[in-house]
């Protein structure tokens, strides 16, 4: 009986996960933290192409000020998956790479995942990233 209940519980959990509705758009201003640094992410464009994943562009700023940079990547509304790179405004060189998922908890959207530092020799590695809208 316990095995049947465990199996039933797993079916319910996986069904709920499969039925999750992801937002069709992630445009707008998001606030949160990237490796203990307050950040503001602004998704300025999200293409309307028929492909499953939509190209996105925008900006990412360290707060209270500084660290402004451009972002370029994609968002997949069907799965909630996102990925983008952070680029230097002046040189257009990529220095961080972000990936994760968007979830919808009531009226709050949450984007969580990790970013990899690619250029600072003393800080190479992967760090937590989380913003809400």
C-alpha atoms as a PDB file:
ATOM      1  CA  UNK A   1       0.000   0.000   0.000  1.00  0.00           C
ATOM      2  CA  UNK A   2       2.817   2.395   0.844  1.00  0.00           C
ATOM      3  CA  UNK A   3       4.431   1.775  -2.556  1.00  0.00           C
ATOM      4  CA  UNK A   4       1.125   2.566  -4.302  1.00  0.00           C
ATOM      5  CA  UNK A   5       0.747   5.817  -2.367  1.00  0.00           C
ATOM      6  CA  UNK A   6       4.339   6.816  -3.159  1.00  0.00           C
ATOM      7  CA  UNK A   7       3.803   6.108  -6.851  1.00  0.00           C
ATOM      8  CA  UNK A   8       0.551   8.074  -6.841  1.00  0.00           C
ATOM      9  CA  UNK A   9       2.255  11.015  -5.115  1.00  0.00           C
ATOM     10  CA  UNK A  10       5.002  11.024  -7.746  1.00  0.00           C
ATOM     11  CA  UNK A  11       2.426  11.020 -10.568  1.00  0.00           C
ATOM     12  CA  UNK A  12       0.628  13.992  -8.978  1.00  0.00           C
ATOM     13  CA  UNK A  13       3.859  15.959  -8.517  1.00  0.00           C
ATOM     14  CA  UNK A  14       5.100  15.316 -12.057  1.00  0.00           C
ATOM     15  CA  UNK A  15       1.657  16.100 -13.510  1.00  0.00           C
ATOM     16  CA  UNK A  16       1.586  19.429 -11.676  1.00  0.00           C
ATOM     17  CA  UNK A  17       5.084  20.239 -12.940  1.00  0.00           C
ATOM     18  CA  UNK A  18       4.112  19.356 -16.507  1.00  0.00           C
ATOM     19  CA  UNK A  19       0.970  21.476 -16.264  1.00  0.00           C
ATOM     20  CA  UNK A  20       2.815  24.557 -15.008  1.00  0.00           C
ATOM     21  CA  UNK A  21       2.019  27.601 -17.089  1.00  0.00           C
ATOM     22  CA  UNK A  22       5.020  29.755 -17.871  1.00  0.00           C
ATOM     23  CA  UNK A  23       4.620  33.429 -18.776  1.00  0.00           C
ATOM     24  CA  UNK A  24       4.533  34.084 -22.512  1.00  0.00           C
ATOM     25  CA  UNK A  25       6.651  37.207 -22.024  1.00  0.00           C
ATOM     26  CA  UNK A  26       9.448  38.238 -19.673  1.00  0.00           C
ATOM     27  CA  UNK A  27       9.584  41.858 -20.857  1.00  0.00           C
ATOM     28  CA  UNK A  28      10.042  44.480 -18.164  1.00  0.00           C
ATOM     29  CA  UNK A  29      12.080  45.293 -15.082  1.00  0.00           C
ATOM     30  CA  UNK A  30      13.260  42.573 -12.703  1.00  0.00           C
ATOM     31  CA  UNK A  31      14.961  43.183  -9.335  1.00  0.00           C
ATOM     32  CA  UNK A  32      17.103  40.766  -7.363  1.00  0.00           C
ATOM     33  CA  UNK A  33      20.553  39.465  -6.541  1.00  0.00           C
ATOM     34  CA  UNK A  34      23.501  38.007  -8.443  1.00  0.00           C
ATOM     35  CA  UNK A  35      26.143  36.596  -6.090  1.00  0.00           C
ATOM     36  CA  UNK A  36      25.222  38.871  -3.179  1.00  0.00           C
ATOM     37  CA  UNK A  37      25.115  41.966  -5.426  1.00  0.00           C
ATOM     38  CA  UNK A  38      21.791  43.753  -5.933  1.00  0.00           C
ATOM     39  CA  UNK A  39      20.918  43.903  -9.634  1.00  0.00           C
ATOM     40  CA  UNK A  40      18.283  45.287 -11.970  1.00  0.00           C
ATOM     41  CA  UNK A  41      17.566  43.300 -15.138  1.00  0.00           C
ATOM     42  CA  UNK A  42      15.545  45.032 -17.846  1.00  0.00           C
ATOM     43  CA  UNK A  43      14.316  42.871 -20.725  1.00  0.00           C
ATOM     44  CA  UNK A  44      13.736  45.424 -23.505  1.00  0.00           C
ATOM     45  CA  UNK A  45      12.898  43.168 -26.458  1.00  0.00           C
ATOM     46  CA  UNK A  46      11.492  39.687 -26.858  1.00  0.00           C
ATOM     47  CA  UNK A  47      10.988  38.558 -30.435  1.00  0.00           C
ATOM     48  CA  UNK A  48       7.648  37.175 -31.581  1.00  0.00           C
ATOM     49  CA  UNK A  49       9.146  34.589 -33.951  1.00  0.00           C
ATOM     50  CA  UNK A  50       7.306  31.282 -34.315  1.00  0.00           C
ATOM     51  CA  UNK A  51      10.273  29.321 -32.912  1.00  0.00           C
ATOM     52  CA  UNK A  52       9.879  27.673 -29.475  1.00  0.00           C
ATOM     53  CA  UNK A  53      12.512  29.984 -27.964  1.00  0.00           C
ATOM     54  CA  UNK A  54      12.397  33.768 -28.395  1.00  0.00           C
ATOM     55  CA  UNK A  55      15.485  36.002 -28.711  1.00  0.00           C
ATOM     56  CA  UNK A  56      15.735  38.613 -25.928  1.00  0.00           C
ATOM     57  CA  UNK A  57      17.847  41.733 -25.374  1.00  0.00           C
ATOM     58  CA  UNK A  58      18.143  44.217 -22.547  1.00  0.00           C
ATOM     59  CA  UNK A  59      20.383  45.580 -19.829  1.00  0.00           C
ATOM     60  CA  UNK A  60      21.725  44.427 -16.479  1.00  0.00           C
ATOM     61  CA  UNK A  61      22.878  46.896 -13.820  1.00  0.00           C
ATOM     62  CA  UNK A  62      24.610  46.411 -10.503  1.00  0.00           C
ATOM     63  CA  UNK A  63      22.888  48.506  -7.827  1.00  0.00           C
ATOM     64  CA  UNK A  64      22.918  51.111  -6.391  1.00  0.00           C
ATOM     65  CA  UNK A  65      24.876  52.180  -9.458  1.00  0.00           C
ATOM     66  CA  UNK A  66      27.490  50.909 -11.847  1.00  0.00           C
ATOM     67  CA  UNK A  67      28.105  47.716 -13.692  1.00  0.00           C
ATOM     68  CA  UNK A  68      25.720  48.608 -16.516  1.00  0.00           C
ATOM     69  CA  UNK A  69      25.916  46.137 -19.380  1.00  0.00           C
ATOM     70  CA  UNK A  70      23.946  44.726 -22.294  1.00  0.00           C
ATOM     71  CA  UNK A  71      22.378  41.276 -22.344  1.00  0.00           C
ATOM     72  CA  UNK A  72      21.536  39.040 -25.282  1.00  0.00           C
ATOM     73  CA  UNK A  73      19.977  35.586 -25.229  1.00  0.00           C
ATOM     74  CA  UNK A  74      16.724  33.648 -25.405  1.00  0.00           C
ATOM     75  CA  UNK A  75      13.599  32.694 -23.450  1.00  0.00           C
ATOM     76  CA  UNK A  76      11.486  29.576 -24.097  1.00  0.00           C
ATOM     77  CA  UNK A  77       7.884  30.239 -22.950  1.00  0.00           C
ATOM     78  CA  UNK A  78       6.862  26.572 -23.187  1.00  0.00           C
ATOM     79  CA  UNK A  79       9.495  25.416 -20.688  1.00  0.00           C
ATOM     80  CA  UNK A  80      10.410  28.620 -18.826  1.00  0.00           C
ATOM     81  CA  UNK A  81      14.076  28.181 -19.744  1.00  0.00           C
ATOM     82  CA  UNK A  82      16.231  31.295 -20.225  1.00  0.00           C
ATOM     83  CA  UNK A  83      19.827  31.907 -21.172  1.00  0.00           C
ATOM     84  CA  UNK A  84      21.687  35.123 -21.845  1.00  0.00           C
ATOM     85  CA  UNK A  85      25.171  36.562 -21.891  1.00  0.00           C
ATOM     86  CA  UNK A  86      26.243  39.801 -20.262  1.00  0.00           C
ATOM     87  CA  UNK A  87      28.342  42.068 -22.483  1.00  0.00           C
ATOM     88  CA  UNK A  88      30.518  45.098 -21.840  1.00  0.00           C
ATOM     89  CA  UNK A  89      28.779  48.228 -23.190  1.00  0.00           C
ATOM     90  CA  UNK A  90      31.974  49.647 -24.691  1.00  0.00           C
ATOM     91  CA  UNK A  91      33.737  46.590 -26.133  1.00  0.00           C
ATOM     92  CA  UNK A  92      30.760  44.209 -26.548  1.00  0.00           C
ATOM     93  CA  UNK A  93      32.932  41.490 -24.953  1.00  0.00           C
ATOM     94  CA  UNK A  94      31.022  38.758 -23.117  1.00  0.00           C
ATOM     95  CA  UNK A  95      32.047  38.460 -19.459  1.00  0.00           C
ATOM     96  CA  UNK A  96      29.216  36.484 -17.812  1.00  0.00           C
ATOM     97  CA  UNK A  97      26.766  33.784 -18.908  1.00  0.00           C
ATOM     98  CA  UNK A  98      23.353  33.309 -17.199  1.00  0.00           C
ATOM     99  CA  UNK A  99      20.919  30.370 -17.382  1.00  0.00           C
ATOM    100  CA  UNK A 100      17.957  29.073 -15.451  1.00  0.00           C
ATOM    101  CA  UNK A 101      14.172  29.009 -15.385  1.00  0.00           C
ATOM    102  CA  UNK A 102      11.238  31.357 -14.952  1.00  0.00           C
ATOM    103  CA  UNK A 103       8.448  30.335 -12.592  1.00  0.00           C
ATOM    104  CA  UNK A 104       5.066  31.838 -11.935  1.00  0.00           C
ATOM    105  CA  UNK A 105       3.952  31.876  -8.297  1.00  0.00           C
ATOM    106  CA  UNK A 106       0.658  33.710  -8.243  1.00  0.00           C
ATOM    107  CA  UNK A 107       1.165  37.275  -9.426  1.00  0.00           C
ATOM    108  CA  UNK A 108       4.943  37.153  -8.880  1.00  0.00           C
ATOM    109  CA  UNK A 109       7.310  36.006 -11.596  1.00  0.00           C
ATOM    110  CA  UNK A 110      10.658  34.622 -10.480  1.00  0.00           C
ATOM    111  CA  UNK A 111      13.748  34.038 -12.621  1.00  0.00           C
ATOM    112  CA  UNK A 112      16.354  31.874 -10.899  1.00  0.00           C
ATOM    113  CA  UNK A 113      19.475  30.084 -11.942  1.00  0.00           C
ATOM    114  CA  UNK A 114      23.206  30.580 -12.093  1.00  0.00           C
ATOM    115  CA  UNK A 115      25.726  32.756 -13.829  1.00  0.00           C
ATOM    116  CA  UNK A 116      29.270  31.895 -14.768  1.00  0.00           C
ATOM    117  CA  UNK A 117      32.017  34.499 -14.428  1.00  0.00           C
ATOM    118  CA  UNK A 118      34.171  34.273 -17.540  1.00  0.00           C
ATOM    119  CA  UNK A 119      36.724  37.075 -17.337  1.00  0.00           C
ATOM    120  CA  UNK A 120      37.786  37.951 -13.767  1.00  0.00           C
ATOM    121  CA  UNK A 121      40.645  35.541 -13.068  1.00  0.00           C
ATOM    122  CA  UNK A 122      40.214  35.678  -9.278  1.00  0.00           C
ATOM    123  CA  UNK A 123      36.447  35.097  -9.482  1.00  0.00           C
ATOM    124  CA  UNK A 124      36.037  32.437 -12.183  1.00  0.00           C
ATOM    125  CA  UNK A 125      33.209  30.056 -11.384  1.00  0.00           C
ATOM    126  CA  UNK A 126      29.462  29.749 -11.025  1.00  0.00           C
ATOM    127  CA  UNK A 127      27.248  31.845  -8.745  1.00  0.00           C
ATOM    128  CA  UNK A 128      23.563  32.100  -7.762  1.00  0.00           C
ATOM    129  CA  UNK A 129      21.198  34.457  -9.611  1.00  0.00           C
ATOM    130  CA  UNK A 130      17.602  35.304  -8.700  1.00  0.00           C
ATOM    131  CA  UNK A 131      15.300  38.172  -9.726  1.00  0.00           C
ATOM    132  CA  UNK A 132      11.560  38.817  -9.377  1.00  0.00           C
ATOM    133  CA  UNK A 133       9.010  40.894 -11.201  1.00  0.00           C
END
